[in-house]
N, C-alpha and C. Protein backbone atom coordinates (compact mmCIF):
# COMPACT_ATOMS: atom_id res chain seq x y z
N MET A 1 138.54 325.31 46.19
CA MET A 1 137.33 324.56 46.48
C MET A 1 137.43 323.96 47.89
N LYS A 2 136.38 324.14 48.68
CA LYS A 2 136.38 323.63 50.03
C LYS A 2 135.99 322.16 50.05
N THR A 3 136.59 321.46 50.99
CA THR A 3 136.16 320.08 51.19
C THR A 3 134.90 320.08 52.03
N PHE A 4 134.23 318.95 52.11
CA PHE A 4 133.00 318.84 52.86
C PHE A 4 133.24 319.11 54.34
N LYS A 5 134.37 318.63 54.87
CA LYS A 5 134.69 318.84 56.28
C LYS A 5 134.91 320.32 56.58
N GLN A 6 135.59 321.03 55.69
CA GLN A 6 135.80 322.47 55.88
C GLN A 6 134.47 323.21 55.81
N TYR A 7 133.60 322.80 54.90
CA TYR A 7 132.28 323.43 54.78
C TYR A 7 131.48 323.26 56.07
N LEU A 8 131.51 322.05 56.65
CA LEU A 8 130.76 321.81 57.88
C LEU A 8 131.31 322.63 59.04
N THR A 9 132.63 322.72 59.16
CA THR A 9 133.20 323.47 60.28
C THR A 9 132.96 324.96 60.12
N ASP A 10 132.88 325.46 58.89
CA ASP A 10 132.61 326.88 58.68
C ASP A 10 131.16 327.23 58.96
N THR A 11 130.23 326.37 58.60
CA THR A 11 128.81 326.68 58.72
C THR A 11 128.18 326.09 59.98
N ALA A 12 128.84 325.20 60.67
CA ALA A 12 128.22 324.49 61.80
C ALA A 12 128.49 325.14 63.14
N ASN A 13 128.91 326.39 63.16
CA ASN A 13 129.20 327.06 64.42
C ASN A 13 128.31 328.29 64.56
N PRO A 14 127.06 328.11 64.98
CA PRO A 14 126.19 329.27 65.13
C PRO A 14 126.61 330.12 66.32
N ASP A 15 126.32 331.38 66.24
CA ASP A 15 126.67 332.32 67.31
C ASP A 15 125.50 332.41 68.28
N ILE A 16 125.38 331.41 69.16
CA ILE A 16 124.29 331.35 70.13
C ILE A 16 124.89 331.49 71.52
N LYS A 17 124.28 332.35 72.32
CA LYS A 17 124.76 332.58 73.68
C LYS A 17 123.59 332.44 74.65
N LYS A 18 123.89 332.35 75.92
CA LYS A 18 122.84 332.29 76.94
C LYS A 18 122.03 333.58 76.88
N GLY A 19 120.72 333.42 76.97
CA GLY A 19 119.83 334.57 76.94
C GLY A 19 119.27 334.88 75.57
N ASP A 20 119.81 334.26 74.50
CA ASP A 20 119.29 334.47 73.16
C ASP A 20 117.91 333.82 73.01
N ILE A 21 117.12 334.35 72.12
CA ILE A 21 115.80 333.79 71.84
C ILE A 21 115.88 332.98 70.56
N ILE A 22 115.43 331.73 70.62
CA ILE A 22 115.39 330.88 69.43
C ILE A 22 113.94 330.49 69.17
N LEU A 23 113.65 330.10 67.95
CA LEU A 23 112.31 329.69 67.57
C LEU A 23 112.29 328.18 67.41
N THR A 24 111.40 327.51 68.13
CA THR A 24 111.35 326.05 68.14
C THR A 24 109.95 325.59 67.75
N GLY A 25 109.74 324.31 67.77
CA GLY A 25 108.44 323.74 67.47
C GLY A 25 108.37 323.24 66.04
N ARG A 26 107.25 322.65 65.71
CA ARG A 26 107.08 322.05 64.39
C ARG A 26 107.20 323.09 63.27
N TRP A 27 106.61 324.26 63.48
CA TRP A 27 106.66 325.31 62.45
C TRP A 27 107.60 326.43 62.83
N LYS A 28 108.46 326.21 63.82
CA LYS A 28 109.46 327.18 64.27
C LYS A 28 108.81 328.51 64.62
N ASN A 29 107.75 328.45 65.44
CA ASN A 29 107.05 329.67 65.80
C ASN A 29 106.93 329.87 67.31
N ARG A 30 107.45 328.95 68.11
CA ARG A 30 107.42 329.10 69.57
C ARG A 30 108.76 329.63 70.05
N GLN A 31 108.73 330.71 70.80
CA GLN A 31 109.97 331.29 71.29
C GLN A 31 110.44 330.57 72.54
N ALA A 32 111.75 330.39 72.64
CA ALA A 32 112.37 329.79 73.82
C ALA A 32 113.67 330.54 74.12
N VAL A 33 113.97 330.69 75.39
CA VAL A 33 115.18 331.39 75.82
C VAL A 33 116.26 330.37 76.14
N VAL A 34 117.47 330.58 75.63
CA VAL A 34 118.59 329.67 75.84
C VAL A 34 119.09 329.81 77.27
N LYS A 35 119.15 328.68 78.00
CA LYS A 35 119.64 328.66 79.39
C LYS A 35 121.03 328.05 79.49
N GLY A 36 121.41 327.20 78.51
CA GLY A 36 122.72 326.56 78.54
C GLY A 36 122.86 325.55 77.42
N PHE A 37 123.95 324.80 77.46
CA PHE A 37 124.26 323.82 76.42
C PHE A 37 124.65 322.50 77.06
N SER A 38 124.40 321.40 76.36
CA SER A 38 124.80 320.09 76.85
C SER A 38 124.88 319.13 75.67
N LYS A 39 125.02 317.85 75.98
CA LYS A 39 125.05 316.80 74.95
C LYS A 39 124.06 315.71 75.33
N ASP A 40 123.50 315.04 74.33
CA ASP A 40 122.56 313.96 74.61
C ASP A 40 123.33 312.64 74.73
N LYS A 41 122.61 311.53 74.80
CA LYS A 41 123.25 310.22 75.01
C LYS A 41 124.14 309.81 73.85
N ASN A 42 123.95 310.40 72.66
CA ASN A 42 124.78 310.10 71.50
C ASN A 42 125.85 311.16 71.26
N ASN A 43 126.11 311.98 72.26
CA ASN A 43 127.08 313.07 72.19
C ASN A 43 126.75 314.10 71.11
N GLN A 44 125.47 314.25 70.79
CA GLN A 44 125.03 315.30 69.87
C GLN A 44 124.75 316.55 70.69
N PRO A 45 125.08 317.73 70.16
CA PRO A 45 124.87 318.96 70.94
C PRO A 45 123.39 319.28 71.11
N THR A 46 123.03 319.70 72.31
CA THR A 46 121.66 320.12 72.61
C THR A 46 121.70 321.48 73.28
N VAL A 47 120.57 322.14 73.26
CA VAL A 47 120.44 323.45 73.88
C VAL A 47 119.41 323.34 75.00
N LYS A 48 119.78 323.79 76.19
CA LYS A 48 118.84 323.83 77.31
C LYS A 48 118.07 325.13 77.22
N THR A 49 116.73 325.03 77.17
CA THR A 49 115.89 326.22 77.10
C THR A 49 114.84 326.16 78.20
N ASN A 50 114.04 327.20 78.29
CA ASN A 50 112.96 327.19 79.26
C ASN A 50 111.85 326.24 78.82
N LYS A 51 111.88 325.72 77.60
CA LYS A 51 110.92 324.74 77.09
C LYS A 51 111.46 323.31 77.16
N GLY A 52 112.69 323.12 77.62
CA GLY A 52 113.30 321.80 77.71
C GLY A 52 114.53 321.68 76.81
N LEU A 53 115.03 320.46 76.66
CA LEU A 53 116.19 320.21 75.81
C LEU A 53 115.77 320.17 74.35
N ILE A 54 116.55 320.81 73.49
CA ILE A 54 116.27 320.85 72.06
C ILE A 54 117.56 320.49 71.34
N ASN A 55 117.46 319.61 70.35
CA ASN A 55 118.63 319.26 69.56
C ASN A 55 119.11 320.48 68.78
N LEU A 56 120.42 320.64 68.73
CA LEU A 56 120.99 321.76 68.00
C LEU A 56 120.70 321.59 66.51
N TYR A 57 120.51 322.70 65.82
CA TYR A 57 120.24 322.76 64.38
C TYR A 57 118.84 322.30 64.03
N LYS A 58 117.91 322.26 64.99
CA LYS A 58 116.51 321.99 64.70
C LYS A 58 115.67 323.19 65.08
N PHE A 59 116.24 324.37 64.97
CA PHE A 59 115.53 325.59 65.29
C PHE A 59 116.11 326.71 64.45
N ARG A 60 115.41 327.84 64.44
CA ARG A 60 115.90 329.04 63.77
C ARG A 60 116.41 330.01 64.83
N ILE A 61 117.46 330.71 64.51
CA ILE A 61 118.04 331.67 65.43
C ILE A 61 117.46 333.04 65.09
N LYS A 62 116.72 333.61 66.03
CA LYS A 62 115.97 334.83 65.76
C LYS A 62 116.87 336.01 65.40
N LYS A 63 118.02 336.14 66.06
CA LYS A 63 118.86 337.29 65.78
C LYS A 63 119.55 337.21 64.42
N LEU A 64 119.55 336.04 63.78
CA LEU A 64 120.13 335.90 62.46
C LEU A 64 119.09 336.03 61.35
N MET A 65 117.82 336.08 61.73
CA MET A 65 116.75 336.23 60.74
C MET A 65 116.55 337.70 60.40
N LYS A 66 116.09 337.95 59.16
CA LYS A 66 115.78 339.31 58.76
C LYS A 66 114.46 339.73 59.37
N ASP A 67 114.35 341.01 59.67
CA ASP A 67 113.07 341.55 60.14
C ASP A 67 112.10 341.61 58.97
N LYS A 68 110.81 341.71 59.27
CA LYS A 68 109.81 341.79 58.22
C LYS A 68 109.99 343.05 57.39
N ASP A 69 110.50 344.12 57.99
CA ASP A 69 110.70 345.38 57.27
C ASP A 69 111.85 345.29 56.27
N GLU A 70 112.85 344.43 56.55
CA GLU A 70 114.01 344.29 55.69
C GLU A 70 113.85 343.20 54.66
N LYS A 71 112.68 342.64 54.54
CA LYS A 71 112.44 341.51 53.66
C LYS A 71 112.67 341.88 52.20
N ASP A 72 113.41 341.04 51.48
CA ASP A 72 113.65 341.30 50.05
C ASP A 72 112.39 341.05 49.25
N ILE A 73 112.13 341.92 48.32
CA ILE A 73 110.92 341.78 47.49
C ILE A 73 111.28 341.19 46.15
């Protein structure tokens, strides 16, 4: 059985690189291109995009999502 800390370290490392497309916005439907990474005033990770700074884990990663054709029925 994994501890909570092990669970967070296993799942909290997304494979995001510069140039990837992420989906942002209220309904996660606006595309943004990753330009870099930084931290905010509280040392929380943020992503620099062409739409501005976005807090990490408040978006969907497009390359990890299933295509509409592969959707489970």
